[in-house]
Amino acid sequence: MIDQDVDATRRTRLANERTYLAWLRTSLTALAVAIGVGRIVPGVTNEARWPFEIVGGGFAVFGVLVMAYGAVRYARVEDALKAGRYAPLEIHGAIVLALFAALLGVASLVIVFVN
């Protein structure tokens, strides 16, 4: 017989690991975009480099923040599971990341349409 509580905890831990990997994929994607926007695009255009470098740097910062936030989130969920509790997503951190991503998206649109 399989203990349903143990099985549910096991599935929740595996889901937490998959979610952590999604945070890492998102951060690595942001870092790749940082290289593309900040280095590659200015190298193939005749436009001013500094707007692309600033937005690329923003994507790099965003990638590092997502990586750190994902690690903290993973640890919080694991600690909650050990204690038999639930760890909700901290809304303030999620809002900050969403606003930062939106700002980078708008900045990207601006440099594309202005240049």
N, C-alpha and C. Protein backbone atom coordinates (compact mmCIF):
# COMPACT_ATOMS: atom_id res chain seq x y z
N MET A 1 0.84 -1.19 0.00
CA MET A 1 0.00 0.00 0.00
C MET A 1 0.89 1.26 0.00
N ILE A 2 0.46 2.24 -0.76
CA ILE A 2 1.18 3.53 -0.81
C ILE A 2 0.47 4.51 0.10
N ASP A 3 1.24 5.10 1.00
CA ASP A 3 0.70 6.13 1.89
C ASP A 3 0.38 7.37 1.05
N GLN A 4 -0.89 7.77 1.02
CA GLN A 4 -1.32 8.88 0.19
C GLN A 4 -0.64 10.20 0.58
N ASP A 5 -0.41 10.42 1.86
CA ASP A 5 0.25 11.66 2.30
C ASP A 5 1.70 11.71 1.83
N VAL A 6 2.40 10.59 1.95
CA VAL A 6 3.79 10.52 1.50
C VAL A 6 3.85 10.72 -0.01
N ASP A 7 2.94 10.09 -0.73
CA ASP A 7 2.93 10.21 -2.18
C ASP A 7 2.62 11.65 -2.60
N ALA A 8 1.68 12.29 -1.94
CA ALA A 8 1.35 13.69 -2.27
C ALA A 8 2.53 14.61 -1.98
N THR A 9 3.22 14.38 -0.89
CA THR A 9 4.40 15.19 -0.56
C THR A 9 5.50 14.97 -1.59
N ARG A 10 5.68 13.73 -2.01
CA ARG A 10 6.68 13.43 -3.03
C ARG A 10 6.35 14.16 -4.33
N ARG A 11 5.10 14.11 -4.75
CA ARG A 11 4.69 14.80 -5.98
C ARG A 11 4.86 16.31 -5.85
N THR A 12 4.57 16.85 -4.67
CA THR A 12 4.72 18.28 -4.45
C THR A 12 6.19 18.68 -4.50
N ARG A 13 7.05 17.86 -3.93
CA ARG A 13 8.49 18.15 -4.01
C ARG A 13 8.98 18.11 -5.45
N LEU A 14 8.52 17.14 -6.22
CA LEU A 14 8.92 17.07 -7.63
C LEU A 14 8.38 18.27 -8.40
N ALA A 15 7.18 18.71 -8.08
CA ALA A 15 6.62 19.90 -8.73
C ALA A 15 7.43 21.13 -8.36
N ASN A 16 7.89 21.19 -7.11
CA ASN A 16 8.72 22.32 -6.68
C ASN A 16 10.05 22.33 -7.44
N GLU A 17 10.62 21.14 -7.66
CA GLU A 17 11.86 21.06 -8.44
C GLU A 17 11.64 21.51 -9.88
N ARG A 18 10.53 21.09 -10.49
CA ARG A 18 10.23 21.52 -11.87
C ARG A 18 10.03 23.03 -11.94
N THR A 19 9.37 23.57 -10.93
CA THR A 19 9.14 25.01 -10.91
C THR A 19 10.46 25.75 -10.75
N TYR A 20 11.34 25.23 -9.92
CA TYR A 20 12.66 25.85 -9.76
C TYR A 20 13.43 25.83 -11.09
N LEU A 21 13.35 24.72 -11.80
CA LEU A 21 14.00 24.64 -13.10
C LEU A 21 13.39 25.64 -14.09
N ALA A 22 12.10 25.90 -13.98
CA ALA A 22 11.47 26.91 -14.83
C ALA A 22 11.99 28.30 -14.49
N TRP A 23 12.20 28.58 -13.20
CA TRP A 23 12.81 29.87 -12.81
C TRP A 23 14.20 29.98 -13.43
N LEU A 24 14.97 28.89 -13.38
CA LEU A 24 16.32 28.92 -13.95
C LEU A 24 16.28 29.11 -15.46
N ARG A 25 15.37 28.42 -16.16
CA ARG A 25 15.25 28.61 -17.60
C ARG A 25 14.89 30.04 -17.94
N THR A 26 14.00 30.62 -17.17
CA THR A 26 13.62 32.01 -17.40
C THR A 26 14.81 32.93 -17.20
N SER A 27 15.59 32.69 -16.16
CA SER A 27 16.75 33.56 -15.90
C SER A 27 17.80 33.40 -17.00
N LEU A 28 18.03 32.17 -17.45
CA LEU A 28 19.00 31.96 -18.52
C LEU A 28 18.53 32.58 -19.84
N THR A 29 17.22 32.55 -20.09
CA THR A 29 16.68 33.21 -21.27
C THR A 29 16.90 34.71 -21.19
N ALA A 30 16.65 35.29 -20.03
CA ALA A 30 16.88 36.73 -19.86
C ALA A 30 18.35 37.08 -20.07
N LEU A 31 19.26 36.23 -19.61
CA LEU A 31 20.68 36.48 -19.82
C LEU A 31 21.05 36.37 -21.29
N ALA A 32 20.43 35.43 -22.01
CA ALA A 32 20.67 35.32 -23.45
C ALA A 32 20.14 36.54 -24.19
N VAL A 33 18.98 37.03 -23.77
CA VAL A 33 18.43 38.25 -24.37
C VAL A 33 19.34 39.43 -24.08
N ALA A 34 19.92 39.46 -22.88
CA ALA A 34 20.85 40.53 -22.53
C ALA A 34 22.03 40.57 -23.49
N ILE A 35 22.56 39.41 -23.81
CA ILE A 35 23.69 39.35 -24.75
C ILE A 35 23.23 39.79 -26.14
N GLY A 36 22.06 39.32 -26.54
CA GLY A 36 21.55 39.68 -27.86
C GLY A 36 21.29 41.17 -28.00
N VAL A 37 20.58 41.72 -27.03
CA VAL A 37 20.22 43.14 -27.10
C VAL A 37 21.43 44.03 -26.85
N GLY A 38 22.22 43.67 -25.87
CA GLY A 38 23.33 44.55 -25.46
C GLY A 38 24.58 44.44 -26.29
N ARG A 39 24.79 43.31 -26.96
CA ARG A 39 26.04 43.12 -27.71
C ARG A 39 25.83 42.83 -29.20
N ILE A 40 24.96 41.88 -29.49
CA ILE A 40 24.82 41.45 -30.88
C ILE A 40 24.11 42.49 -31.73
N VAL A 41 22.95 42.97 -31.27
CA VAL A 41 22.20 43.95 -32.07
C VAL A 41 23.01 45.21 -32.35
N PRO A 42 23.68 45.81 -31.36
CA PRO A 42 24.46 47.00 -31.68
C PRO A 42 25.59 46.73 -32.67
N GLY A 43 26.07 45.50 -32.70
CA GLY A 43 27.15 45.16 -33.61
C GLY A 43 26.73 45.04 -35.06
N VAL A 44 25.44 44.87 -35.30
CA VAL A 44 24.96 44.71 -36.67
C VAL A 44 24.14 45.91 -37.16
N THR A 45 24.09 46.95 -36.36
CA THR A 45 23.37 48.16 -36.77
C THR A 45 24.33 49.34 -36.77
N ASN A 46 23.90 50.41 -37.36
CA ASN A 46 24.67 51.65 -37.36
C ASN A 46 24.10 52.66 -36.38
N GLU A 47 23.28 52.20 -35.46
CA GLU A 47 22.65 53.06 -34.47
C GLU A 47 23.57 53.24 -33.27
N ALA A 48 23.19 54.19 -32.42
CA ALA A 48 23.94 54.41 -31.17
C ALA A 48 23.88 53.13 -30.32
N ARG A 49 25.00 52.78 -29.73
CA ARG A 49 25.09 51.54 -28.97
C ARG A 49 24.48 51.64 -27.58
N TRP A 50 24.57 52.82 -26.96
CA TRP A 50 24.24 52.93 -25.54
C TRP A 50 22.80 52.55 -25.20
N PRO A 51 21.77 52.85 -26.02
CA PRO A 51 20.43 52.41 -25.61
C PRO A 51 20.32 50.88 -25.55
N PHE A 52 20.94 50.21 -26.50
CA PHE A 52 20.91 48.74 -26.53
C PHE A 52 21.69 48.17 -25.35
N GLU A 53 22.80 48.79 -25.02
CA GLU A 53 23.60 48.31 -23.90
C GLU A 53 22.87 48.48 -22.57
N ILE A 54 22.16 49.59 -22.42
CA ILE A 54 21.40 49.82 -21.18
C ILE A 54 20.28 48.80 -21.04
N VAL A 55 19.51 48.59 -22.12
CA VAL A 55 18.42 47.61 -22.05
C VAL A 55 18.99 46.20 -21.88
N GLY A 56 20.09 45.90 -22.55
CA GLY A 56 20.73 44.59 -22.37
C GLY A 56 21.19 44.39 -20.94
N GLY A 57 21.75 45.44 -20.34
CA GLY A 57 22.15 45.36 -18.94
C GLY A 57 20.94 45.14 -18.03
N GLY A 58 19.82 45.77 -18.38
CA GLY A 58 18.59 45.56 -17.61
C GLY A 58 18.13 44.12 -17.67
N PHE A 59 18.22 43.52 -18.85
CA PHE A 59 17.85 42.10 -18.98
C PHE A 59 18.79 41.22 -18.16
N ALA A 60 20.07 41.58 -18.11
CA ALA A 60 21.03 40.81 -17.31
C ALA A 60 20.69 40.89 -15.82
N VAL A 61 20.38 42.09 -15.36
CA VAL A 61 19.98 42.26 -13.95
C VAL A 61 18.71 41.47 -13.67
N PHE A 62 17.75 41.56 -14.59
CA PHE A 62 16.51 40.81 -14.43
C PHE A 62 16.79 39.30 -14.34
N GLY A 63 17.68 38.80 -15.19
CA GLY A 63 18.02 37.38 -15.16
C GLY A 63 18.61 36.95 -13.83
N VAL A 64 19.48 37.77 -13.29
CA VAL A 64 20.08 37.45 -11.99
C VAL A 64 19.03 37.51 -10.88
N LEU A 65 18.14 38.50 -10.93
CA LEU A 65 17.08 38.60 -9.92
C LEU A 65 16.14 37.40 -9.98
N VAL A 66 15.77 36.98 -11.18
CA VAL A 66 14.89 35.81 -11.32
C VAL A 66 15.58 34.56 -10.79
N MET A 67 16.87 34.42 -11.08
CA MET A 67 17.62 33.27 -10.59
C MET A 67 17.63 33.25 -9.05
N ALA A 68 17.89 34.39 -8.45
CA ALA A 68 17.93 34.47 -6.98
C ALA A 68 16.54 34.25 -6.38
N TYR A 69 15.54 34.88 -6.97
CA TYR A 69 14.17 34.74 -6.45
C TYR A 69 13.71 33.29 -6.56
N GLY A 70 14.04 32.63 -7.66
CA GLY A 70 13.67 31.23 -7.83
C GLY A 70 14.30 30.34 -6.77
N ALA A 71 15.56 30.61 -6.45
CA ALA A 71 16.25 29.81 -5.43
C ALA A 71 15.62 30.03 -4.05
N VAL A 72 15.32 31.28 -3.74
CA VAL A 72 14.67 31.59 -2.45
C VAL A 72 13.30 30.94 -2.39
N ARG A 73 12.56 31.03 -3.49
CA ARG A 73 11.22 30.43 -3.53
C ARG A 73 11.30 28.91 -3.35
N TYR A 74 12.24 28.27 -4.03
CA TYR A 74 12.42 26.83 -3.89
C TYR A 74 12.68 26.46 -2.43
N ALA A 75 13.57 27.19 -1.78
CA ALA A 75 13.92 26.90 -0.39
C ALA A 75 12.72 27.13 0.54
N ARG A 76 11.95 28.19 0.29
CA ARG A 76 10.78 28.45 1.13
C ARG A 76 9.75 27.32 1.03
N VAL A 77 9.53 26.84 -0.18
CA VAL A 77 8.55 25.76 -0.36
C VAL A 77 9.05 24.48 0.30
N GLU A 78 10.34 24.18 0.16
CA GLU A 78 10.89 22.98 0.81
C GLU A 78 10.77 23.08 2.33
N ASP A 79 11.09 24.24 2.89
CA ASP A 79 10.95 24.42 4.34
C ASP A 79 9.49 24.26 4.78
N ALA A 80 8.57 24.79 4.00
CA ALA A 80 7.16 24.67 4.33
C ALA A 80 6.71 23.21 4.27
N LEU A 81 7.19 22.48 3.26
CA LEU A 81 6.84 21.07 3.16
C LEU A 81 7.35 20.28 4.36
N LYS A 82 8.56 20.57 4.79
CA LYS A 82 9.12 19.88 5.96
C LYS A 82 8.29 20.14 7.21
N ALA A 83 7.73 21.35 7.30
CA ALA A 83 6.95 21.73 8.48
C ALA A 83 5.47 21.42 8.31
N GLY A 84 5.09 20.88 7.13
CA GLY A 84 3.68 20.57 6.91
C GLY A 84 2.83 21.80 6.65
N ARG A 85 3.44 22.84 6.14
CA ARG A 85 2.71 24.09 5.86
C ARG A 85 2.68 24.35 4.36
N TYR A 86 2.05 25.45 4.02
CA TYR A 86 1.98 25.92 2.64
C TYR A 86 2.73 27.24 2.56
N ALA A 87 3.50 27.43 1.49
CA ALA A 87 4.25 28.68 1.30
C ALA A 87 3.71 29.40 0.07
N PRO A 88 2.82 30.37 0.28
CA PRO A 88 2.28 31.08 -0.88
C PRO A 88 3.35 31.95 -1.53
N LEU A 89 3.14 32.24 -2.81
CA LEU A 89 4.05 33.13 -3.53
C LEU A 89 3.96 34.51 -2.91
N GLU A 90 5.12 35.09 -2.61
CA GLU A 90 5.13 36.44 -2.05
C GLU A 90 4.76 37.43 -3.16
N ILE A 91 3.63 38.08 -2.98
CA ILE A 91 3.07 38.92 -4.02
C ILE A 91 3.98 40.11 -4.34
N HIS A 92 4.66 40.65 -3.35
CA HIS A 92 5.52 41.82 -3.61
C HIS A 92 6.68 41.48 -4.54
N GLY A 93 7.30 40.34 -4.32
CA GLY A 93 8.40 39.92 -5.19
C GLY A 93 7.91 39.65 -6.60
N ALA A 94 6.76 39.01 -6.71
CA ALA A 94 6.19 38.72 -8.02
C ALA A 94 5.84 40.01 -8.76
N ILE A 95 5.30 40.98 -8.05
CA ILE A 95 4.94 42.25 -8.68
C ILE A 95 6.18 43.00 -9.13
N VAL A 96 7.22 43.01 -8.30
CA VAL A 96 8.46 43.70 -8.67
C VAL A 96 9.05 43.08 -9.94
N LEU A 97 9.10 41.74 -9.99
CA LEU A 97 9.64 41.08 -11.19
C LEU A 97 8.78 41.37 -12.42
N ALA A 98 7.46 41.35 -12.25
CA ALA A 98 6.56 41.62 -13.38
C ALA A 98 6.72 43.06 -13.87
N LEU A 99 6.82 44.01 -12.96
CA LEU A 99 7.00 45.41 -13.36
C LEU A 99 8.34 45.62 -14.04
N PHE A 100 9.37 44.97 -13.53
CA PHE A 100 10.69 45.08 -14.15
C PHE A 100 10.67 44.50 -15.56
N ALA A 101 10.01 43.35 -15.73
CA ALA A 101 9.90 42.74 -17.05
C ALA A 101 9.10 43.63 -18.00
N ALA A 102 8.03 44.21 -17.49
CA ALA A 102 7.22 45.12 -18.33
C ALA A 102 8.03 46.34 -18.74
N LEU A 103 8.80 46.89 -17.82
CA LEU A 103 9.65 48.05 -18.12
C LEU A 103 10.67 47.69 -19.20
N LEU A 104 11.27 46.52 -19.10
CA LEU A 104 12.23 46.08 -20.12
C LEU A 104 11.55 45.86 -21.47
N GLY A 105 10.34 45.35 -21.45
CA GLY A 105 9.60 45.17 -22.69
C GLY A 105 9.29 46.49 -23.36
N VAL A 106 8.86 47.47 -22.58
CA VAL A 106 8.58 48.80 -23.13
C VAL A 106 9.87 49.45 -23.64
N ALA A 107 10.93 49.33 -22.87
CA ALA A 107 12.22 49.90 -23.31
C ALA A 107 12.68 49.25 -24.61
N SER A 108 12.48 47.95 -24.74
CA SER A 108 12.85 47.26 -25.99
C SER A 108 12.04 47.79 -27.16
N LEU A 109 10.75 47.96 -26.96
CA LEU A 109 9.90 48.51 -28.02
C LEU A 109 10.34 49.92 -28.40
N VAL A 110 10.67 50.72 -27.42
CA VAL A 110 11.10 52.09 -27.69
C VAL A 110 12.37 52.11 -28.52
N ILE A 111 13.38 51.33 -28.14
CA ILE A 111 14.63 51.39 -28.92
C ILE A 111 14.46 50.79 -30.30
N VAL A 112 13.53 49.84 -30.45
CA VAL A 112 13.31 49.28 -31.78
C VAL A 112 12.61 50.30 -32.68
N PHE A 113 11.60 50.97 -32.15
CA PHE A 113 10.81 51.88 -32.99
C PHE A 113 11.45 53.26 -33.14
N VAL A 114 12.26 53.67 -32.17
CA VAL A 114 12.94 54.96 -32.29
C VAL A 114 14.14 54.85 -33.21
N ASN A 115 14.85 53.73 -33.14
CA ASN A 115 16.04 53.55 -33.98
C ASN A 115 15.59 52.93 -35.25
